């Protein structure tokens, strides 16, 4: 006889929305959605709702937005909705009294093949590091981050030209299916977990920041190309450039790698017609789409129509 599941869903970004949508499509009972509090954003500092909140409101789901997951009011809400399973997708770390509450446990969907790429940005780092595969994992939450026992995994290939955006969508779709498989196993009481391997070289999905998203033009063409596609469409690789003795900052959204021998100094900007490329130690990065300060994102042909780089312009 199947167990009757009462699901509490926790998540914030668009990635989580598709998983919540799939759970509802499969007719599981979702007792409430927990998401981040509204935050002021933009010039007008208007309150911005998370993607999960917008979706939950549209689908008449109760929404909880605790600032403190250990607060008495949130723990009272937990008892009121009384879930017997919690599903977590792209949310913050949970206190023990929360993840231990449901009868059938709390499981997380992580966008990597654990134990590889534990951390905040697994999709980006898989591409930045030039991986040929990634995947999704469901695992039971424990007291550490992304270390709990694995329930299910699904591998996904990464194409040579895939961006973080493309991989995000693939993993989002596979992740939704994996969460449903996990819920079905819980319903049928047929789950077999495995402990995460503790040995071997583990790669970490560090939080992205201005330092690790800046292009180092001393690196190889392939490494720079992987960084650009691994940060596209967000948060985007960036670089300083010097043009007409003025130092500015630009964002590079897309590019191609051209590996070839040359004797041009590293970082030199070369413009020919409507093509722009930057020299590296073993080739060139051919820029396809970029954004200059105070401007919108543009295709390179459009940008070069209204902006010129002097002959000595360089990327730093």
Protein backbone atom coordinates (compact mmCIF):
# COMPACT_ATOMS: atom_id res chain seq x y z
CA UNK A 1 0.00 0.00 0.00
CA UNK A 2 1.38 3.39 -1.01
CA UNK A 3 2.07 6.04 1.60
CA UNK A 4 0.18 9.33 1.23
CA UNK A 5 2.72 12.14 0.92
CA UNK A 6 2.22 15.70 2.19
CA UNK A 7 4.98 17.76 0.60
CA UNK A 8 6.46 21.00 1.92
CA UNK A 9 8.48 22.60 -0.88
CA UNK A 10 11.46 24.90 -0.24
CA UNK A 11 13.13 26.91 -2.99
CA UNK A 12 13.71 30.37 -4.40
CA UNK A 13 14.92 30.76 -8.05
CA UNK A 14 13.46 29.83 -11.44
CA UNK A 15 15.32 26.49 -11.31
CA UNK A 16 13.12 25.52 -8.34
CA UNK A 17 9.87 26.59 -10.03
CA UNK A 18 9.98 23.89 -12.69
CA UNK A 19 10.45 21.23 -10.00
CA UNK A 20 7.51 22.55 -7.96
CA UNK A 21 5.41 22.67 -11.14
CA UNK A 22 6.26 19.04 -11.94
CA UNK A 23 5.30 17.94 -8.40
CA UNK A 24 1.89 19.60 -8.81
CA UNK A 25 1.45 18.17 -12.32
CA UNK A 26 1.97 14.71 -10.86
CA UNK A 27 -0.86 15.44 -8.37
CA UNK A 28 1.18 15.34 -5.19
CA UNK A 29 -0.27 17.27 -2.27
CA UNK A 30 1.87 20.35 -1.65
CA UNK A 31 0.89 21.78 1.73
CA UNK A 32 2.92 25.01 1.34
CA UNK A 33 5.92 26.60 -0.35
CA UNK A 34 8.78 28.13 1.67
CA UNK A 35 10.85 30.78 -0.09
CA UNK A 36 13.07 33.82 0.56
CA UNK A 37 11.56 37.02 1.95
CA UNK A 38 10.77 39.78 -0.55
CA UNK A 39 13.80 42.02 -1.12
CA UNK A 40 14.09 45.61 -2.38
CA UNK A 41 15.72 45.72 -5.82
CA UNK A 42 16.40 48.13 -8.66
CA UNK A 43 16.58 51.90 -8.69
CA UNK A 44 13.18 52.34 -7.07
CA UNK A 45 13.99 49.71 -4.42
CA UNK A 46 10.64 48.05 -5.07
CA UNK A 47 10.08 44.79 -3.23
CA UNK A 48 11.06 41.87 -5.45
CA UNK A 49 9.31 38.51 -5.04
CA UNK A 50 11.13 35.26 -5.63
CA UNK A 51 10.23 33.13 -8.65
CA UNK A 52 8.84 30.47 -6.32
CA UNK A 53 6.59 32.98 -4.52
CA UNK A 54 5.18 34.28 -7.81
CA UNK A 55 4.46 30.73 -8.96
CA UNK A 56 2.95 29.67 -5.62
CA UNK A 57 0.66 32.72 -5.50
CA UNK A 58 -0.52 32.03 -9.04
CA UNK A 59 -1.32 28.43 -8.07
CA UNK A 60 -3.00 29.29 -4.75
CA UNK A 61 -0.36 27.60 -2.59
CA UNK A 62 0.24 28.91 0.93
CA UNK A 63 3.59 30.77 1.03
CA UNK A 64 5.95 31.01 4.01
CA UNK A 65 8.84 33.51 3.95
CA UNK A 66 10.71 33.14 7.23
CA UNK A 67 13.76 35.30 7.89
CA UNK A 68 14.80 32.87 10.62
CA UNK A 69 14.21 29.16 10.13
CA UNK A 70 14.69 28.55 13.87
CA UNK A 71 12.03 31.09 14.91
CA UNK A 72 9.08 29.93 17.00
CA UNK A 73 6.63 31.28 14.41
CA UNK A 74 8.16 29.22 11.58
CA UNK A 75 8.36 26.07 13.71
CA UNK A 76 4.69 26.58 14.59
CA UNK A 77 3.88 26.88 10.87
CA UNK A 78 5.78 23.65 10.28
CA UNK A 79 3.60 21.87 12.83
CA UNK A 80 0.46 23.46 11.38
CA UNK A 81 1.12 22.24 7.83
CA UNK A 82 2.58 18.98 9.18
CA UNK A 83 4.43 17.72 6.07
CA UNK A 84 5.70 14.15 6.06
CA UNK A 85 8.37 15.00 3.45
CA UNK A 86 10.26 18.22 2.65
CA UNK A 87 11.67 18.80 -0.84
CA UNK A 88 14.47 21.38 -1.07
CA UNK A 89 15.70 22.94 -4.32
CA UNK A 90 18.15 25.88 -4.31
CA UNK A 91 17.40 27.10 -0.79
CA UNK A 92 19.46 27.91 2.26
CA UNK A 93 20.89 25.56 4.89
CA UNK A 94 18.24 24.13 7.20
CA UNK A 95 18.48 23.79 10.99
CA UNK A 96 18.25 20.27 12.38
CA UNK A 97 14.81 20.79 13.94
CA UNK A 98 13.45 21.52 10.45
CA UNK A 99 15.09 18.79 8.33
CA UNK A 100 14.43 16.17 10.99
CA UNK A 101 10.74 17.10 11.33
CA UNK A 102 9.07 15.11 8.50
CA UNK A 103 8.38 11.42 9.03
CA UNK A 104 9.86 10.41 5.66
CA UNK A 105 12.77 12.85 5.71
CA UNK A 106 13.97 15.95 3.91
CA UNK A 107 15.68 15.58 0.55
CA UNK A 108 17.50 18.04 -1.64
CA UNK A 109 17.97 18.21 -5.41
CA UNK A 110 21.53 19.26 -6.26
CA UNK A 111 22.70 20.16 -9.77
CA UNK A 112 25.80 17.98 -9.87
CA UNK A 113 26.89 14.38 -9.58
CA UNK A 114 27.66 14.40 -5.87
CA UNK A 115 30.10 14.24 -4.19
CA UNK A 116 31.58 16.42 -6.95
CA UNK A 117 30.73 20.14 -6.97
CA UNK A 118 29.22 20.54 -3.55
CA UNK A 119 28.44 24.20 -2.99
CA UNK A 120 26.67 27.25 -4.36
CA UNK A 121 27.38 27.21 -8.12
CA UNK A 122 27.72 23.62 -9.44
CA UNK A 123 26.39 24.39 -12.94
CA UNK A 124 28.86 27.22 -13.53
CA UNK A 125 31.92 25.40 -12.20
CA UNK A 126 31.29 22.24 -14.22
CA UNK A 127 31.62 24.31 -17.40
CA UNK A 128 34.39 26.59 -16.11
CA UNK A 129 36.43 23.46 -15.36
CA UNK A 130 35.78 22.01 -18.83
CA UNK A 131 33.80 18.97 -17.70
CA UNK A 132 32.18 16.76 -20.36
CA UNK A 133 29.39 15.63 -18.05
CA UNK A 134 27.34 16.81 -15.11
CA UNK A 135 24.06 15.64 -13.64
CA UNK A 136 21.51 15.88 -10.86
CA UNK A 137 21.39 14.16 -7.48
CA UNK A 138 18.72 13.74 -4.84
CA UNK A 139 20.00 13.13 -1.33
CA UNK A 140 18.75 13.21 2.24
CA UNK A 141 19.83 16.33 4.09
CA UNK A 142 22.07 15.98 7.13
CA UNK A 143 23.93 18.43 9.38
CA UNK A 144 26.56 19.36 6.74
CA UNK A 145 26.21 20.94 3.28
CA UNK A 146 25.54 18.53 0.37
CA UNK A 147 26.97 15.51 2.20
CA UNK A 148 23.89 13.38 2.93
CA UNK A 149 23.15 9.90 1.62
CA UNK A 150 22.44 9.77 -2.12
CA UNK A 151 19.01 8.59 -3.23
CA UNK A 152 19.14 8.89 -7.04
CA UNK A 153 21.42 10.37 -9.72
CA UNK A 154 21.08 11.13 -13.43
CA UNK A 155 24.04 11.95 -15.67
CA UNK A 156 23.85 14.66 -18.35
CA UNK A 157 26.37 15.31 -21.15
CA UNK A 158 27.88 18.79 -21.54
CA UNK A 159 28.48 19.83 -25.17
CA UNK A 160 31.73 21.63 -26.00
CA UNK A 161 29.92 24.92 -26.68
CA UNK A 162 27.29 24.69 -23.92
CA UNK A 163 26.82 27.73 -21.68
CA UNK A 164 25.74 27.72 -18.05
CA UNK A 165 22.28 28.75 -19.28
CA UNK A 166 21.99 25.73 -21.58
CA UNK A 167 23.20 23.31 -18.89
CA UNK A 168 20.90 24.96 -16.33
CA UNK A 169 17.85 24.17 -18.46
CA UNK A 170 18.93 20.58 -19.14
CA UNK A 171 19.55 19.92 -15.45
CA UNK A 172 16.30 21.65 -14.50
CA UNK A 173 14.31 19.27 -16.72
CA UNK A 174 16.21 16.16 -15.59
CA UNK A 175 16.00 17.35 -11.98
CA UNK A 176 12.22 17.61 -12.12
CA UNK A 177 11.99 13.99 -13.31
CA UNK A 178 14.45 12.84 -10.65
CA UNK A 179 12.44 14.51 -7.85
CA UNK A 180 9.30 12.70 -9.06
CA UNK A 181 11.19 9.37 -9.13
CA UNK A 182 12.37 10.08 -5.58
CA UNK A 183 8.84 10.90 -4.38
CA UNK A 184 7.53 7.70 -5.97
CA UNK A 185 10.21 5.68 -4.18
CA UNK A 186 9.19 7.32 -0.90
CA UNK A 187 5.54 6.53 -1.61
CA UNK A 188 6.37 2.90 -2.23
CA UNK A 189 8.86 2.72 0.66
CA UNK A 190 11.45 1.37 -1.79
CA UNK A 191 14.34 3.79 -1.31
CA UNK A 192 17.89 2.45 -1.18
CA UNK A 193 20.45 5.12 -0.33
CA UNK A 194 24.21 5.08 -0.65
CA UNK A 195 26.77 7.03 1.35
CA UNK A 196 28.76 9.62 -0.55
CA UNK A 197 32.35 8.59 -1.27
CA UNK A 198 34.76 10.34 1.07
CA UNK A 199 37.96 9.57 -0.82
CA UNK A 200 39.31 10.82 -4.14
CA UNK A 201 39.79 14.32 -5.48
CA UNK A 202 36.68 16.43 -4.88
CA UNK A 203 35.94 19.59 -6.84
CA UNK A 204 34.07 22.40 -5.10
CA UNK A 205 31.40 24.72 -6.53
CA UNK A 206 32.57 27.91 -4.84
CA UNK A 207 30.28 30.90 -4.55
CA UNK A 208 30.84 33.22 -7.51
CA UNK A 209 32.30 36.65 -6.76
CA UNK A 210 34.05 39.53 -8.59
CA UNK A 211 37.46 37.87 -8.14
CA UNK A 212 36.69 34.44 -9.59
CA UNK A 213 34.56 35.80 -12.45
CA UNK A 214 37.30 38.12 -13.80
CA UNK A 215 39.10 36.92 -16.92
CA UNK A 216 42.81 36.20 -16.49
CA UNK A 217 44.21 36.76 -19.97
CA UNK A 218 47.43 34.91 -19.01
CA UNK A 219 45.50 31.63 -18.98
CA UNK A 220 45.05 29.39 -22.02
CA UNK A 221 42.48 30.13 -24.72
CA UNK A 222 40.44 27.10 -23.68
CA UNK A 223 40.41 28.10 -20.00
CA UNK A 224 39.24 31.63 -20.85
CA UNK A 225 36.61 30.31 -23.25
CA UNK A 226 35.31 27.91 -20.59
CA UNK A 227 35.10 30.75 -18.05
CA UNK A 228 33.08 32.92 -20.45
CA UNK A 229 30.56 30.20 -21.29
CA UNK A 230 30.46 28.99 -17.68
CA UNK A 231 29.34 32.44 -16.54
CA UNK A 232 26.84 33.09 -19.34
CA UNK A 233 24.15 34.38 -19.11
CA UNK A 234 24.78 35.09 -15.42
CA UNK A 235 26.76 36.49 -13.61
CA UNK A 236 28.93 37.05 -16.75
CA UNK A 237 32.73 37.06 -17.13
CA UNK A 238 34.31 40.50 -16.97
CA UNK A 239 37.56 42.24 -17.74
CA UNK A 240 39.23 45.63 -17.55
CA UNK A 241 40.27 47.18 -20.84
CA UNK A 242 42.47 50.16 -21.67
CA UNK A 243 41.49 52.28 -24.65
CA UNK A 244 42.77 55.79 -25.40
CA UNK A 245 44.57 55.78 -22.01
CA UNK A 246 41.30 55.20 -20.18
CA UNK A 247 40.67 52.11 -18.05
CA UNK A 248 37.13 50.72 -18.13
CA UNK A 249 35.35 47.50 -17.27
CA UNK A 250 33.38 45.32 -19.71
CA UNK A 251 31.34 42.13 -19.57
CA UNK A 252 31.83 39.39 -22.15
CA UNK A 253 28.69 37.31 -22.71
CA UNK A 254 29.77 35.04 -25.54
CA UNK A 255 32.89 34.25 -27.53
CA UNK A 256 34.66 31.61 -29.60
CA UNK A 257 38.07 30.06 -29.05
CA UNK A 258 40.65 30.19 -31.82
CA UNK A 259 43.77 28.19 -31.00
CA UNK A 260 46.78 29.12 -33.11
CA UNK A 261 50.41 30.16 -32.78
CA UNK A 262 51.25 33.88 -32.97
CA UNK A 263 53.72 36.40 -31.52
CA UNK A 264 51.23 39.11 -30.51
CA UNK A 265 51.38 40.35 -26.93
CA UNK A 266 48.80 38.78 -24.61
CA UNK A 267 45.66 40.85 -24.09
CA UNK A 268 45.97 42.95 -27.26
CA UNK A 269 42.60 43.85 -28.81
CA UNK A 270 42.51 43.31 -32.58
CA UNK A 271 39.65 44.74 -34.63
CA UNK A 272 39.27 43.89 -38.31
CA UNK A 273 36.04 44.91 -40.02
CA UNK A 274 33.29 43.81 -37.69
CA UNK A 275 35.37 41.17 -35.89
CA UNK A 276 37.05 41.73 -32.55
CA UNK A 277 39.43 39.34 -30.87
CA UNK A 278 41.85 39.34 -27.96
CA UNK A 279 45.21 37.61 -28.08
CA UNK A 280 46.06 34.86 -25.60
CA UNK A 281 49.22 32.82 -25.11
CA UNK A 282 48.03 30.11 -27.51
CA UNK A 283 45.46 31.81 -29.73
CA UNK A 284 42.61 34.29 -29.63
CA UNK A 285 39.27 34.82 -27.95
CA UNK A 286 36.86 36.01 -30.65
CA UNK A 287 34.26 38.13 -28.87
CA UNK A 288 30.68 37.76 -30.10
CA UNK A 289 28.65 39.66 -27.50
CA UNK A 290 29.75 42.14 -24.85
CA UNK A 291 28.65 45.08 -22.72
CA UNK A 292 30.53 48.32 -22.19
CA UNK A 293 30.02 50.51 -19.09
CA UNK A 294 26.72 52.40 -19.18
CA UNK A 295 25.62 50.51 -22.31
CA UNK A 296 23.37 47.54 -22.93
CA UNK A 297 24.60 44.13 -24.03
CA UNK A 298 25.36 44.15 -27.78
CA UNK A 299 26.43 41.85 -30.57
CA UNK A 300 29.98 42.79 -31.55
CA UNK A 301 29.02 44.10 -35.01
CA UNK A 302 26.50 46.49 -33.47
CA UNK A 303 28.96 47.59 -30.79
CA UNK A 304 31.72 48.32 -33.30
CA UNK A 305 29.31 50.45 -35.32
CA UNK A 306 29.31 53.05 -32.56
CA UNK A 307 32.52 52.44 -30.62
CA UNK A 308 36.13 52.27 -31.73
CA UNK A 309 39.14 50.66 -30.11
CA UNK A 310 42.50 52.30 -30.77
CA UNK A 311 45.35 50.30 -32.19
CA UNK A 312 47.02 49.92 -28.77
CA UNK A 313 43.89 48.88 -26.86
CA UNK A 314 44.37 45.97 -24.47
CA UNK A 315 42.43 43.76 -22.09
CA UNK A 316 43.75 43.44 -18.53
